Amino acid sequence: AKNTLYLQMTSLKPEDTGTYYCAARSGPLCAFSSRPSVYSYWGQG
């Protein structure tokens, strides 16, 4: 309803440090969409 994606992060570790991006890919292939290269749309981080 809000067109919002969330990532709840707990028990954070120093190795979690970085720039986090959300991304989107159209279509039914999410089960095979682990690679950044297959996503068409990206946020600024």
Full PDB file with SEQRES, HELIX, SHEET, SSBOND, CRYST1, ORIGX, SCALE, CONECT and MASTER records, all heavy atoms in Angstrom:
SEQRES   1 A   45  ALA LYS ASN THR LEU TYR LEU GLN MET THR SER LEU LYS          
SEQRES   2 A   45  PRO GLU ASP THR GLY THR TYR TYR CYS ALA ALA ARG SER          
SEQRES   3 A   45  GLY PRO LEU CYS ALA PHE SER SER ARG PRO SER VAL TYR          
SEQRES   4 A   45  SER TYR TRP GLY GLN GLY                                      
HELIX    1 AA1 PRO A   14  ASP A   16  5                                   3    
HELIX    2 AA2 CYS A   30  PHE A   32  5                                   3    
HELIX    3 AA3 PRO A   36  VAL A   38  5                                   3    
SHEET    1 AA1 2 ALA A  23  ALA A  24  0                                        
SHEET    2 AA1 2 TYR A  41  TRP A  42 -1                                        
CRYST1    1.000    1.000    1.000  90.00  90.00  90.00 P 1           1          
ORIGX1      1.000000  0.000000  0.000000        0.00000                         
ORIGX2      0.000000  1.000000  0.000000        0.00000                         
ORIGX3      0.000000  0.000000  1.000000        0.00000                         
SCALE1      1.000000  0.000000  0.000000        0.00000                         
SCALE2      0.000000  1.000000  0.000000        0.00000                         
SCALE3      0.000000  0.000000  1.000000        0.00000                         
ATOM      1  N   ALA A   1       0.814  -1.204   0.000  1.00  0.00           N  
ATOM      2  CA  ALA A   1       0.000   0.000   0.000  1.00  0.00           C  
ATOM      3  C   ALA A   1       0.851   1.258   0.000  1.00  0.00           C  
ATOM      4  O   ALA A   1       0.471   2.275  -0.579  1.00  0.00           O  
ATOM      5  CB  ALA A   1      -0.942  -0.004   1.195  1.00  0.00           C  
ATOM      6  N   LYS A   2       1.987   1.209   0.659  1.00  0.00           N  
ATOM      7  CA  LYS A   2       2.890   2.355   0.746  1.00  0.00           C  
ATOM      8  C   LYS A   2       3.994   2.321  -0.304  1.00  0.00           C  
ATOM      9  O   LYS A   2       4.787   3.257  -0.377  1.00  0.00           O  
ATOM     10  CB  LYS A   2       3.528   2.429   2.125  1.00  0.00           C  
ATOM     11  CG  LYS A   2       2.552   2.684   3.255  1.00  0.00           C  
ATOM     12  CD  LYS A   2       3.281   2.786   4.583  1.00  0.00           C  
ATOM     13  CE  LYS A   2       2.333   3.087   5.717  1.00  0.00           C  
ATOM     14  NZ  LYS A   2       3.042   3.192   7.017  1.00  0.00           N  
ATOM     15  N   ASN A   3       4.028   1.255  -1.087  1.00  0.00           N  
ATOM     16  CA  ASN A   3       5.108   1.079  -2.065  1.00  0.00           C  
ATOM     17  C   ASN A   3       6.477   1.249  -1.407  1.00  0.00           C  
ATOM     18  O   ASN A   3       7.335   1.987  -1.899  1.00  0.00           O  
ATOM     19  CB  ASN A   3       4.951   2.053  -3.232  1.00  0.00           C  
ATOM     20  CG  ASN A   3       3.839   1.657  -4.178  1.00  0.00           C  
ATOM     21  OD1 ASN A   3       3.463   0.490  -4.264  1.00  0.00           O  
ATOM     22  ND2 ASN A   3       3.310   2.631  -4.902  1.00  0.00           N  
ATOM     23  N   THR A   4       6.661   0.551  -0.307  1.00  0.00           N  
ATOM     24  CA  THR A   4       7.883   0.678   0.466  1.00  0.00           C  
ATOM     25  C   THR A   4       8.472  -0.693   0.758  1.00  0.00           C  
ATOM     26  O   THR A   4       7.749  -1.617   1.149  1.00  0.00           O  
ATOM     27  CB  THR A   4       7.636   1.427   1.783  1.00  0.00           C  
ATOM     28  OG1 THR A   4       7.084   2.718   1.502  1.00  0.00           O  
ATOM     29  CG2 THR A   4       8.937   1.606   2.548  1.00  0.00           C  
ATOM     30  N   LEU A   5       9.756  -0.802   0.580  1.00  0.00           N  
ATOM     31  CA  LEU A   5      10.521  -1.993   0.900  1.00  0.00           C  
ATOM     32  C   LEU A   5      11.331  -1.729   2.164  1.00  0.00           C  
ATOM     33  O   LEU A   5      11.870  -0.633   2.335  1.00  0.00           O  
ATOM     34  CB  LEU A   5      11.450  -2.342  -0.260  1.00  0.00           C  
ATOM     35  CG  LEU A   5      12.364  -3.560  -0.098  1.00  0.00           C  
ATOM     36  CD1 LEU A   5      11.553  -4.845  -0.169  1.00  0.00           C  
ATOM     37  CD2 LEU A   5      13.456  -3.537  -1.164  1.00  0.00           C  
ATOM     38  N   TYR A   6      11.424  -2.719   3.029  1.00  0.00           N  
ATOM     39  CA  TYR A   6      12.138  -2.566   4.291  1.00  0.00           C  
ATOM     40  C   TYR A   6      13.222  -3.623   4.447  1.00  0.00           C  
ATOM     41  O   TYR A   6      13.120  -4.728   3.917  1.00  0.00           O  
ATOM     42  CB  TYR A   6      11.184  -2.693   5.476  1.00  0.00           C  
ATOM     43  CG  TYR A   6      10.069  -1.686   5.495  1.00  0.00           C  
ATOM     44  CD1 TYR A   6       8.800  -2.027   5.046  1.00  0.00           C  
ATOM     45  CD2 TYR A   6      10.283  -0.396   5.966  1.00  0.00           C  
ATOM     46  CE1 TYR A   6       7.773  -1.107   5.070  1.00  0.00           C  
ATOM     47  CE2 TYR A   6       9.257   0.531   5.984  1.00  0.00           C  
ATOM     48  CZ  TYR A   6       8.003   0.168   5.538  1.00  0.00           C  
ATOM     49  OH  TYR A   6       6.984   1.085   5.560  1.00  0.00           O  
ATOM     50  N   LEU A   7      14.228  -3.262   5.199  1.00  0.00           N  
ATOM     51  CA  LEU A   7      15.218  -4.219   5.655  1.00  0.00           C  
ATOM     52  C   LEU A   7      15.460  -3.960   7.132  1.00  0.00           C  
ATOM     53  O   LEU A   7      16.071  -2.955   7.501  1.00  0.00           O  
ATOM     54  CB  LEU A   7      16.529  -4.094   4.875  1.00  0.00           C  
ATOM     55  CG  LEU A   7      17.593  -5.145   5.217  1.00  0.00           C  
ATOM     56  CD1 LEU A   7      17.137  -6.532   4.759  1.00  0.00           C  
ATOM     57  CD2 LEU A   7      18.937  -4.797   4.592  1.00  0.00           C  
ATOM     58  N   GLN A   8      14.950  -4.850   7.964  1.00  0.00           N  
ATOM     59  CA  GLN A   8      15.168  -4.764   9.397  1.00  0.00           C  
ATOM     60  C   GLN A   8      16.453  -5.504   9.731  1.00  0.00           C  
ATOM     61  O   GLN A   8      16.559  -6.701   9.476  1.00  0.00           O  
ATOM     62  CB  GLN A   8      13.994  -5.369  10.162  1.00  0.00           C  
ATOM     63  CG  GLN A   8      14.149  -5.339  11.674  1.00  0.00           C  
ATOM     64  CD  GLN A   8      14.150  -3.935  12.227  1.00  0.00           C  
ATOM     65  OE1 GLN A   8      13.245  -3.163  11.941  1.00  0.00           O  
ATOM     66  NE2 GLN A   8      15.160  -3.602  13.017  1.00  0.00           N  
ATOM     67  N   MET A   9      17.409  -4.800  10.291  1.00  0.00           N  
ATOM     68  CA  MET A   9      18.710  -5.357  10.592  1.00  0.00           C  
ATOM     69  C   MET A   9      18.909  -5.358  12.099  1.00  0.00           C  
ATOM     70  O   MET A   9      18.800  -4.317  12.738  1.00  0.00           O  
ATOM     71  CB  MET A   9      19.817  -4.559   9.910  1.00  0.00           C  
ATOM     72  CG  MET A   9      19.632  -4.405   8.409  1.00  0.00           C  
ATOM     73  SD  MET A   9      21.032  -3.572   7.616  1.00  0.00           S  
ATOM     74  CE  MET A   9      20.876  -1.944   8.349  1.00  0.00           C  
ATOM     75  N   THR A  10      19.211  -6.521  12.643  1.00  0.00           N  
ATOM     76  CA  THR A  10      19.485  -6.659  14.064  1.00  0.00           C  
ATOM     77  C   THR A  10      20.814  -7.366  14.247  1.00  0.00           C  
ATOM     78  O   THR A  10      21.368  -7.940  13.314  1.00  0.00           O  
ATOM     79  CB  THR A  10      18.376  -7.448  14.773  1.00  0.00           C  
ATOM     80  OG1 THR A  10      18.296  -8.770  14.229  1.00  0.00           O  
ATOM     81  CG2 THR A  10      17.029  -6.763  14.612  1.00  0.00           C  
ATOM     82  N   SER A  11      21.317  -7.323  15.469  1.00  0.00           N  
ATOM     83  CA  SER A  11      22.601  -7.954  15.795  1.00  0.00           C  
ATOM     84  C   SER A  11      23.680  -7.564  14.795  1.00  0.00           C  
ATOM     85  O   SER A  11      24.424  -8.404  14.289  1.00  0.00           O  
ATOM     86  CB  SER A  11      22.443  -9.478  15.852  1.00  0.00           C  
ATOM     87  OG  SER A  11      21.495  -9.856  16.819  1.00  0.00           O  
ATOM     88  N   LEU A  12      23.763  -6.292  14.523  1.00  0.00           N  
ATOM     89  CA  LEU A  12      24.681  -5.803  13.503  1.00  0.00           C  
ATOM     90  C   LEU A  12      26.135  -6.041  13.899  1.00  0.00           C  
ATOM     91  O   LEU A  12      26.500  -5.955  15.073  1.00  0.00           O  
ATOM     92  CB  LEU A  12      24.444  -4.321  13.245  1.00  0.00           C  
ATOM     93  CG  LEU A  12      23.211  -4.023  12.387  1.00  0.00           C  
ATOM     94  CD1 LEU A  12      22.791  -2.572  12.531  1.00  0.00           C  
ATOM     95  CD2 LEU A  12      23.495  -4.366  10.926  1.00  0.00           C  
ATOM     96  N   LYS A  13      26.934  -6.333  12.898  1.00  0.00           N  
ATOM     97  CA  LYS A  13      28.350  -6.595  13.056  1.00  0.00           C  
ATOM     98  C   LYS A  13      29.151  -5.581  12.253  1.00  0.00           C  
ATOM     99  O   LYS A  13      28.652  -5.030  11.272  1.00  0.00           O  
ATOM    100  CB  LYS A  13      28.690  -8.005  12.565  1.00  0.00           C  
ATOM    101  CG  LYS A  13      27.878  -9.112  13.200  1.00  0.00           C  
ATOM    102  CD  LYS A  13      28.195 -10.443  12.538  1.00  0.00           C  
ATOM    103  CE  LYS A  13      27.380 -11.566  13.134  1.00  0.00           C  
ATOM    104  NZ  LYS A  13      27.681 -12.865  12.471  1.00  0.00           N  
ATOM    105  N   PRO A  14      30.407  -5.340  12.625  1.00  0.00           N  
ATOM    106  CA  PRO A  14      31.235  -4.420  11.838  1.00  0.00           C  
ATOM    107  C   PRO A  14      31.316  -4.808  10.363  1.00  0.00           C  
ATOM    108  O   PRO A  14      31.403  -3.926   9.503  1.00  0.00           O  
ATOM    109  CB  PRO A  14      32.605  -4.516  12.518  1.00  0.00           C  
ATOM    110  CG  PRO A  14      32.273  -4.820  13.943  1.00  0.00           C  
ATOM    111  CD  PRO A  14      31.089  -5.743  13.870  1.00  0.00           C  
ATOM    112  N   GLU A  15      31.264  -6.084  10.056  1.00  0.00           N  
ATOM    113  CA  GLU A  15      31.318  -6.536   8.671  1.00  0.00           C  
ATOM    114  C   GLU A  15      30.074  -6.182   7.872  1.00  0.00           C  
ATOM    115  O   GLU A  15      30.056  -6.343   6.652  1.00  0.00           O  
ATOM    116  CB  GLU A  15      31.558  -8.048   8.618  1.00  0.00           C  
ATOM    117  CG  GLU A  15      30.445  -8.879   9.240  1.00  0.00           C  
ATOM    118  CD  GLU A  15      30.886 -10.280   9.607  1.00  0.00           C  
ATOM    119  OE1 GLU A  15      31.595 -10.418  10.626  1.00  0.00           O  
ATOM    120  OE2 GLU A  15      30.542 -11.228   8.867  1.00  0.00           O  
ATOM    121  N   ASP A  16      29.027  -5.723   8.543  1.00  0.00           N  
ATOM    122  CA  ASP A  16      27.825  -5.253   7.851  1.00  0.00           C  
ATOM    123  C   ASP A  16      27.977  -3.830   7.332  1.00  0.00           C  
ATOM    124  O   ASP A  16      27.088  -3.335   6.632  1.00  0.00           O  
ATOM    125  CB  ASP A  16      26.612  -5.311   8.784  1.00  0.00           C  
ATOM    126  CG  ASP A  16      26.256  -6.728   9.188  1.00  0.00           C  
ATOM    127  OD1 ASP A  16      26.297  -7.627   8.327  1.00  0.00           O  
ATOM    128  OD2 ASP A  16      25.926  -6.929  10.375  1.00  0.00           O  
ATOM    129  N   THR A  17      29.061  -3.174   7.672  1.00  0.00           N  
ATOM    130  CA  THR A  17      29.286  -1.798   7.247  1.00  0.00           C  
ATOM    131  C   THR A  17      29.356  -1.697   5.723  1.00  0.00           C  
ATOM    132  O   THR A  17      29.981  -2.523   5.062  1.00  0.00           O  
ATOM    133  CB  THR A  17      30.582  -1.261   7.860  1.00  0.00           C  
ATOM    134  OG1 THR A  17      30.423  -1.155   9.278  1.00  0.00           O  
ATOM    135  CG2 THR A  17      30.936   0.112   7.304  1.00  0.00           C  
ATOM    136  N   GLY A  18      28.716  -0.684   5.181  1.00  0.00           N  
ATOM    137  CA  GLY A  18      28.761  -0.459   3.750  1.00  0.00           C  
ATOM    138  C   GLY A  18      27.632   0.449   3.306  1.00  0.00           C  
ATOM    139  O   GLY A  18      26.821   0.900   4.112  1.00  0.00           O  
ATOM    140  N   THR A  19      27.599   0.704   2.020  1.00  0.00           N  
ATOM    141  CA  THR A  19      26.495   1.436   1.429  1.00  0.00           C  
ATOM    142  C   THR A  19      25.439   0.439   0.988  1.00  0.00           C  
ATOM    143  O   THR A  19      25.737  -0.503   0.251  1.00  0.00           O  
ATOM    144  CB  THR A  19      26.958   2.271   0.230  1.00  0.00           C  
ATOM    145  OG1 THR A  19      27.987   3.170   0.647  1.00  0.00           O  
ATOM    146  CG2 THR A  19      25.806   3.071  -0.347  1.00  0.00           C  
ATOM    147  N   TYR A  20      24.228   0.640   1.446  1.00  0.00           N  
ATOM    148  CA  TYR A  20      23.132  -0.271   1.141  1.00  0.00           C  
ATOM    149  C   TYR A  20      22.243   0.321   0.057  1.00  0.00           C  
ATOM    150  O   TYR A  20      21.851   1.487   0.126  1.00  0.00           O  
ATOM    151  CB  TYR A  20      22.315  -0.553   2.395  1.00  0.00           C  
ATOM    152  CG  TYR A  20      22.975  -1.549   3.318  1.00  0.00           C  
ATOM    153  CD1 TYR A  20      24.140  -1.222   3.998  1.00  0.00           C  
ATOM    154  CD2 TYR A  20      22.442  -2.826   3.498  1.00  0.00           C  
ATOM    155  CE1 TYR A  20      24.762  -2.134   4.825  1.00  0.00           C  
ATOM    156  CE2 TYR A  20      23.056  -3.741   4.332  1.00  0.00           C  
ATOM    157  CZ  TYR A  20      24.215  -3.395   4.993  1.00  0.00           C  
ATOM    158  OH  TYR A  20      24.826  -4.305   5.819  1.00  0.00           O  
ATOM    159  N   TYR A  21      21.930  -0.501  -0.920  1.00  0.00           N  
ATOM    160  CA  TYR A  21      21.119  -0.094  -2.054  1.00  0.00           C  
ATOM    161  C   TYR A  21      19.887  -0.976  -2.163  1.00  0.00           C  
ATOM    162  O   TYR A  21      19.961  -2.182  -1.940  1.00  0.00           O  
ATOM    163  CB  TYR A  21      21.895  -0.225  -3.369  1.00  0.00           C  
ATOM    164  CG  TYR A  21      23.166   0.576  -3.447  1.00  0.00           C  
ATOM    165  CD1 TYR A  21      24.366   0.065  -2.980  1.00  0.00           C  
ATOM    166  CD2 TYR A  21      23.167   1.845  -4.015  1.00  0.00           C  
ATOM    167  CE1 TYR A  21      25.542   0.787  -3.066  1.00  0.00           C  
ATOM    168  CE2 TYR A  21      24.335   2.577  -4.110  1.00  0.00           C  
ATOM    169  CZ  TYR A  21      25.523   2.043  -3.635  1.00  0.00           C  
ATOM    170  OH  TYR A  21      26.688   2.767  -3.732  1.00  0.00           O  
ATOM    171  N   CYS A  22      18.773  -0.391  -2.524  1.00  0.00           N  
ATOM    172  CA  CYS A  22      17.637  -1.199  -2.932  1.00  0.00           C  
ATOM    173  C   CYS A  22      17.587  -1.223  -4.451  1.00  0.00           C  
ATOM    174  O   CYS A  22      18.055  -0.297  -5.124  1.00  0.00           O  
ATOM    175  CB  CYS A  22      16.317  -0.704  -2.340  1.00  0.00           C  
ATOM    176  SG  CYS A  22      15.856   0.992  -2.750  1.00  0.00           S  
ATOM    177  N   ALA A  23      17.042  -2.295  -4.986  1.00  0.00           N  
ATOM    178  CA  ALA A  23      17.010  -2.490  -6.424  1.00  0.00           C  
ATOM    179  C   ALA A  23      15.749  -3.232  -6.811  1.00  0.00           C  
ATOM    180  O   ALA A  23      15.136  -3.917  -5.995  1.00  0.00           O  
ATOM    181  CB  ALA A  23      18.253  -3.264  -6.881  1.00  0.00           C  
ATOM    182  N   ALA A  24      15.377  -3.113  -8.071  1.00  0.00           N  
ATOM    183  CA  ALA A  24      14.170  -3.750  -8.569  1.00  0.00           C  
ATOM    184  C   ALA A  24      14.402  -4.351  -9.939  1.00  0.00           C  
ATOM    185  O   ALA A  24      15.132  -3.793 -10.760  1.00  0.00           O  
ATOM    186  CB  ALA A  24      13.015  -2.755  -8.623  1.00  0.00           C  
ATOM    187  N   ARG A  25      13.756  -5.487 -10.156  1.00  0.00           N  
ATOM    188  CA  ARG A  25      13.772  -6.156 -11.444  1.00  0.00           C  
ATOM    189  C   ARG A  25      12.363  -6.585 -11.785  1.00  0.00           C  
ATOM    190  O   ARG A  25      11.688  -7.216 -10.967  1.00  0.00           O  
ATOM    191  CB  ARG A  25      14.692  -7.383 -11.407  1.00  0.00           C  
ATOM    192  CG  ARG A  25      14.721  -8.147 -12.718  1.00  0.00           C  
ATOM    193  CD  ARG A  25      15.425  -9.484 -12.592  1.00  0.00           C  
ATOM    194  NE  ARG A  25      15.537 -10.140 -13.899  1.00  0.00           N  
ATOM    195  CZ  ARG A  25      16.052 -11.336 -14.101  1.00  0.00           C  
ATOM    196  NH1 ARG A  25      16.532 -12.031 -13.078  1.00  0.00           N  
ATOM    197  NH2 ARG A  25      16.109 -11.831 -15.330  1.00  0.00           N  
ATOM    198  N   SER A  26      11.918  -6.281 -12.969  1.00  0.00           N  
ATOM    199  CA  SER A  26      10.592  -6.665 -13.413  1.00  0.00           C  
ATOM    200  C   SER A  26      10.582  -8.120 -13.860  1.00  0.00           C  
ATOM    201  O   SER A  26      11.546  -8.602 -14.456  1.00  0.00           O  
ATOM    202  CB  SER A  26      10.140  -5.765 -14.569  1.00  0.00           C  
ATOM    203  OG  SER A  26       8.874  -6.140 -15.050  1.00  0.00           O  
ATOM    204  N   GLY A  27       9.498  -8.810 -13.558  1.00  0.00           N  
ATOM    205  CA  GLY A  27       9.341 -10.159 -14.045  1.00  0.00           C  
ATOM    206  C   GLY A  27       9.265 -11.207 -12.955  1.00  0.00           C  
ATOM    207  O   GLY A  27       9.344 -10.908 -11.764  1.00  0.00           O  
ATOM    208  N   PRO A  28       9.149 -12.466 -13.378  1.00  0.00           N  
ATOM    209  CA  PRO A  28       8.905 -13.579 -12.454  1.00  0.00           C  
ATOM    210  C   PRO A  28      10.132 -14.381 -12.055  1.00  0.00           C  
ATOM    211  O   PRO A  28       9.989 -15.504 -11.563  1.00  0.00           O  
ATOM    212  CB  PRO A  28       7.938 -14.451 -13.259  1.00  0.00           C  
ATOM    213  CG  PRO A  28       8.461 -14.310 -14.664  1.00  0.00           C  
ATOM    214  CD  PRO A  28       8.956 -12.882 -14.779  1.00  0.00           C  
ATOM    215  N   LEU A  29      11.321 -13.834 -12.243  1.00  0.00           N  
ATOM    216  CA  LEU A  29      12.541 -14.613 -12.064  1.00  0.00           C  
ATOM    217  C   LEU A  29      13.274 -14.319 -10.769  1.00  0.00           C  
ATOM    218  O   LEU A  29      14.502 -14.443 -10.699  1.00  0.00           O  
ATOM    219  CB  LEU A  29      13.473 -14.388 -13.252  1.00  0.00           C  
ATOM    220  CG  LEU A  29      12.906 -14.762 -14.624  1.00  0.00           C  
ATOM    221  CD1 LEU A  29      13.900 -14.418 -15.717  1.00  0.00           C  
ATOM    222  CD2 LEU A  29      12.543 -16.233 -14.661  1.00  0.00           C  
ATOM    223  N   CYS A  30      12.569 -13.963  -9.731  1.00  0.00           N  
ATOM    224  CA  CYS A  30      13.222 -13.579  -8.486  1.00  0.00           C  
ATOM    225  C   CYS A  30      14.037 -14.720  -7.879  1.00  0.00           C  
ATOM    226  O   CYS A  30      15.060 -14.480  -7.241  1.00  0.00           O  
ATOM    227  CB  CYS A  30      12.188 -13.084  -7.473  1.00  0.00           C  
ATOM    228  SG  CYS A  30      12.851 -11.932  -6.249  1.00  0.00           S  
ATOM    229  N   ALA A  31      13.599 -15.947  -8.087  1.00  0.00           N  
ATOM    230  CA  ALA A  31      14.322 -17.086  -7.532  1.00  0.00           C  
ATOM    231  C   ALA A  31      15.729 -17.198  -8.104  1.00  0.00           C  
ATOM    232  O   ALA A  31      16.598 -17.831  -7.501  1.00  0.00           O  
ATOM    233  CB  ALA A  31      13.555 -18.378  -7.783  1.00  0.00           C  
ATOM    234  N   PHE A  32      15.950 -16.573  -9.253  1.00  0.00           N  
ATOM    235  CA  PHE A  32      17.241 -16.641  -9.923  1.00  0.00           C  
ATOM    236  C   PHE A  32      17.874 -15.259 -10.047  1.00  0.00           C  
ATOM    237  O   PHE A  32      18.630 -15.000 -10.993  1.00  0.00           O  
ATOM    238  CB  PHE A  32      17.077 -17.281 -11.304  1.00  0.00           C  
ATOM    239  CG  PHE A  32      16.346 -18.591 -11.268  1.00  0.00           C  
ATOM    240  CD1 PHE A  32      14.993 -18.654 -11.557  1.00  0.00           C  
ATOM    241  CD2 PHE A  32      17.002 -19.752 -10.926  1.00  0.00           C  
ATOM    242  CE1 PHE A  32      14.310 -19.856 -11.516  1.00  0.00           C  
ATOM    243  CE2 PHE A  32      16.341 -20.961 -10.882  1.00  0.00           C  
ATOM    244  CZ  PHE A  32      14.991 -21.015 -11.175  1.00  0.00           C  
ATOM    245  N   SER A  33      17.600 -14.384  -9.107  1.00  0.00           N  
ATOM    246  CA  SER A  33      18.017 -12.986  -9.201  1.00  0.00           C  
ATOM    247  C   SER A  33      18.891 -12.576  -8.027  1.00  0.00           C  
ATOM    248  O   SER A  33      18.623 -11.585  -7.336  1.00  0.00           O  
ATOM    249  CB  SER A  33      16.786 -12.082  -9.299  1.00  0.00           C  
ATOM    250  OG  SER A  33      16.007 -12.395 -10.438  1.00  0.00           O  
ATOM    251  N   SER A  34      19.951 -13.297  -7.805  1.00  0.00           N  
ATOM    252  CA  SER A  34      20.871 -12.985  -6.726  1.00  0.00           C  
ATOM    253  C   SER A  34      21.981 -12.021  -7.140  1.00  0.00           C  
ATOM    254  O   SER A  34      22.637 -11.435  -6.279  1.00  0.00           O  
ATOM    255  CB  SER A  34      21.505 -14.264  -6.171  1.00  0.00           C  
ATOM    256  OG  SER A  34      22.267 -14.928  -7.169  1.00  0.00           O  
ATOM    257  N   ARG A  35      22.184 -11.846  -8.422  1.00  0.00           N  
ATOM    258  CA  ARG A  35      23.284 -11.040  -8.926  1.00  0.00           C  
ATOM    259  C   ARG A  35      22.847  -9.595  -9.176  1.00  0.00           C  
ATOM    260  O   ARG A  35      21.770  -9.350  -9.714  1.00  0.00           O  
ATOM    261  CB  ARG A  35      23.836 -11.617 -10.234  1.00  0.00           C  
ATOM    262  CG  ARG A  35      24.259 -13.079 -10.133  1.00  0.00           C  
ATOM    263  CD  ARG A  35      24.778 -13.586 -11.471  1.00  0.00           C  
ATOM    264  NE  ARG A  35      23.834 -13.374 -12.550  1.00  0.00           N  
ATOM    265  CZ  ARG A  35      22.763 -14.131 -12.795  1.00  0.00           C  
ATOM    266  NH1 ARG A  35      22.510 -15.168 -11.999  1.00  0.00           N  
ATOM    267  NH2 ARG A  35      21.964 -13.856 -13.808  1.00  0.00           N  
ATOM    268  N   PRO A  36      23.692  -8.622  -8.827  1.00  0.00           N  
ATOM    269  CA  PRO A  36      23.345  -7.220  -9.087  1.00  0.00           C  
ATOM    270  C   PRO A  36      23.088  -6.909 -10.551  1.00  0.00           C  
ATOM    271  O   PRO A  36      22.263  -6.050 -10.861  1.00  0.00           O  
ATOM    272  CB  PRO A  36      24.576  -6.456  -8.577  1.00  0.00           C  
ATOM    273  CG  PRO A  36      25.204  -7.368  -7.573  1.00  0.00           C  
ATOM    274  CD  PRO A  36      24.964  -8.753  -8.090  1.00  0.00           C  
ATOM    275  N   SER A  37      23.748  -7.619 -11.453  1.00  0.00           N  
ATOM    276  CA  SER A  37      23.682  -7.295 -12.866  1.00  0.00           C  
ATOM    277  C   SER A  37      22.308  -7.497 -13.484  1.00  0.00           C  
ATOM    278  O   SER A  37      22.030  -6.944 -14.548  1.00  0.00           O  
ATOM    279  CB  SER A  37      24.714  -8.114 -13.653  1.00  0.00           C  
ATOM    280  OG  SER A  37      24.473  -9.501 -13.520  1.00  0.00           O  
ATOM    281  N   VAL A  38      21.434  -8.263 -12.851  1.00  0.00           N  
ATOM    282  CA  VAL A  38      20.127  -8.532 -13.434  1.00  0.00           C  
ATOM    283  C   VAL A  38      19.070  -7.519 -13.004  1.00  0.00           C  
ATOM    284  O   VAL A  38      17.941  -7.579 -13.491  1.00  0.00           O  
ATOM    285  CB  VAL A  38      19.637  -9.956 -13.108  1.00  0.00           C  
ATOM    286  CG1 VAL A  38      20.668 -10.990 -13.555  1.00  0.00           C  
ATOM    287  CG2 VAL A  38      19.329 -10.118 -11.625  1.00  0.00           C  
ATOM    288  N   TYR A  39      19.403  -6.592 -12.150  1.00  0.00           N  
ATOM    289  CA  TYR A  39      18.455  -5.580 -11.691  1.00  0.00           C  
ATOM    290  C   TYR A  39      18.552  -4.321 -12.545  1.00  0.00           C  
ATOM    291  O   TYR A  39      19.652  -3.836 -12.819  1.00  0.00           O  
ATOM    292  CB  TYR A  39      18.687  -5.245 -10.221  1.00  0.00           C  
ATOM    293  CG  TYR A  39      18.286  -6.374  -9.310  1.00  0.00           C  
ATOM    294  CD1 TYR A  39      19.118  -7.465  -9.110  1.00  0.00           C  
ATOM    295  CD2 TYR A  39      17.054  -6.358  -8.664  1.00  0.00           C  
ATOM    296  CE1 TYR A  39      18.733  -8.519  -8.290  1.00  0.00           C  
ATOM    297  CE2 TYR A  39      16.670  -7.400  -7.844  1.00  0.00           C  
ATOM    298  CZ  TYR A  39      17.513  -8.477  -7.660  1.00  0.00           C  
ATOM    299  OH  TYR A  39      17.132  -9.518  -6.840  1.00  0.00           O  
ATOM    300  N   SER A  40      17.417  -3.800 -12.920  1.00  0.00           N  
ATOM    301  CA  SER A  40      17.361  -2.665 -13.827  1.00  0.00           C  
ATOM    302  C   SER A  40      17.301  -1.320 -13.116  1.00  0.00           C  
ATOM    303  O   SER A  40      17.751  -0.312 -13.663  1.00  0.00           O  
ATOM    304  CB  SER A  40      16.145  -2.785 -14.751  1.00  0.00           C  
ATOM    305  OG  SER A  40      16.205  -3.964 -15.537  1.00  0.00           O  
ATOM    306  N   TYR A  41      16.741  -1.293 -11.923  1.00  0.00           N  
ATOM    307  CA  TYR A  41      16.496  -0.039 -11.219  1.00  0.00           C  
ATOM    308  C   TYR A  41      17.198  -0.054  -9.876  1.00  0.00           C  
ATOM    309  O   TYR A  41      17.136  -1.042  -9.142  1.00  0.00           O  
ATOM    310  CB  TYR A  41      14.995   0.177 -11.026  1.00  0.00           C  
ATOM    311  CG  TYR A  41      14.211   0.053 -12.310  1.00  0.00           C  
ATOM    312  CD1 TYR A  41      13.523  -1.113 -12.610  1.00  0.00           C  
ATOM    313  CD2 TYR A  41      14.171   1.094 -13.225  1.00  0.00           C  
ATOM    314  CE1 TYR A  41      12.809  -1.238 -13.790  1.00  0.00           C  
ATOM    315  CE2 TYR A  41      13.462   0.975 -14.401  1.00  0.00           C  
ATOM    316  CZ  TYR A  41      12.777  -0.192 -14.682  1.00  0.00           C  
ATOM    317  OH  TYR A  41      12.072  -0.317 -15.854  1.00  0.00           O  
ATOM    318  N   TRP A  42      17.822   1.076  -9.543  1.00  0.00           N  
ATOM    319  CA  TRP A  42      18.616   1.189  -8.323  1.00  0.00           C  
ATOM    320  C   TRP A  42      18.359   2.504  -7.614  1.00  0.00           C  
ATOM    321  O   TRP A  42      18.128   3.537  -8.255  1.00  0.00           O  
ATOM    322  CB  TRP A  42      20.110   1.090  -8.643  1.00  0.00           C  
ATOM    323  CG  TRP A  42      20.521  -0.258  -9.117  1.00  0.00           C  
ATOM    324  CD1 TRP A  42      20.473  -0.740 -10.390  1.00  0.00           C  
ATOM    325  CD2 TRP A  42      21.047  -1.315  -8.307  1.00  0.00           C  
ATOM    326  NE1 TRP A  42      20.936  -2.038 -10.422  1.00  0.00           N  
ATOM    327  CE2 TRP A  42      21.297  -2.413  -9.164  1.00  0.00           C  
ATOM    328  CE3 TRP A  42      21.336  -1.434  -6.948  1.00  0.00           C  
ATOM    329  CZ2 TRP A  42      21.818  -3.618  -8.696  1.00  0.00           C  
ATOM    330  CZ3 TRP A  42      21.854  -2.626  -6.479  1.00  0.00           C  
ATOM    331  CH2 TRP A  42      22.091  -3.700  -7.354  1.00  0.00           C  
ATOM    332  N   GLY A  43      18.424   2.452  -6.285  1.00  0.00           N  
ATOM    333  CA  GLY A  43      18.397   3.657  -5.498  1.00  0.00           C  
ATOM    334  C   GLY A  43      19.775   4.263  -5.390  1.00  0.00           C  
ATOM    335  O   GLY A  43      20.762   3.741  -5.928  1.00  0.00           O  
ATOM    336  N   GLN A  44      19.861   5.376  -4.682  1.00  0.00           N  
ATOM    337  CA  GLN A  44      21.122   6.106  -4.567  1.00  0.00           C  
ATOM    338  C   GLN A  44      22.020   5.572  -3.457  1.00  0.00           C  
ATOM    339  O   GLN A  44      23.204   5.911  -3.407  1.00  0.00           O  
ATOM    340  CB  GLN A  44      20.844   7.596  -4.332  1.00  0.00           C  
ATOM    341  CG  GLN A  44      20.563   7.990  -2.888  1.00  0.00           C  
ATOM    342  CD  GLN A  44      19.232   7.488  -2.361  1.00  0.00           C  
ATOM    343  OE1 GLN A  44      18.358   7.086  -3.117  1.00  0.00           O  
ATOM    344  NE2 GLN A  44      19.083   7.524  -1.041  1.00  0.00           N  
ATOM    345  N   GLY A  45      21.482   4.767  -2.579  1.00  0.00           N  
ATOM    346  CA  GLY A  45      22.253   4.186  -1.502  1.00  0.00           C  
ATOM    347  C   GLY A  45      22.129   4.943  -0.199  1.00  0.00           C  
ATOM    348  O   GLY A  45      21.906   6.152  -0.176  1.00  0.00           O  
TER     349      GLY A  45                                                      
MASTER        0    0    0    3    2    0    0    6  348    1    0    4          
END                                                                             
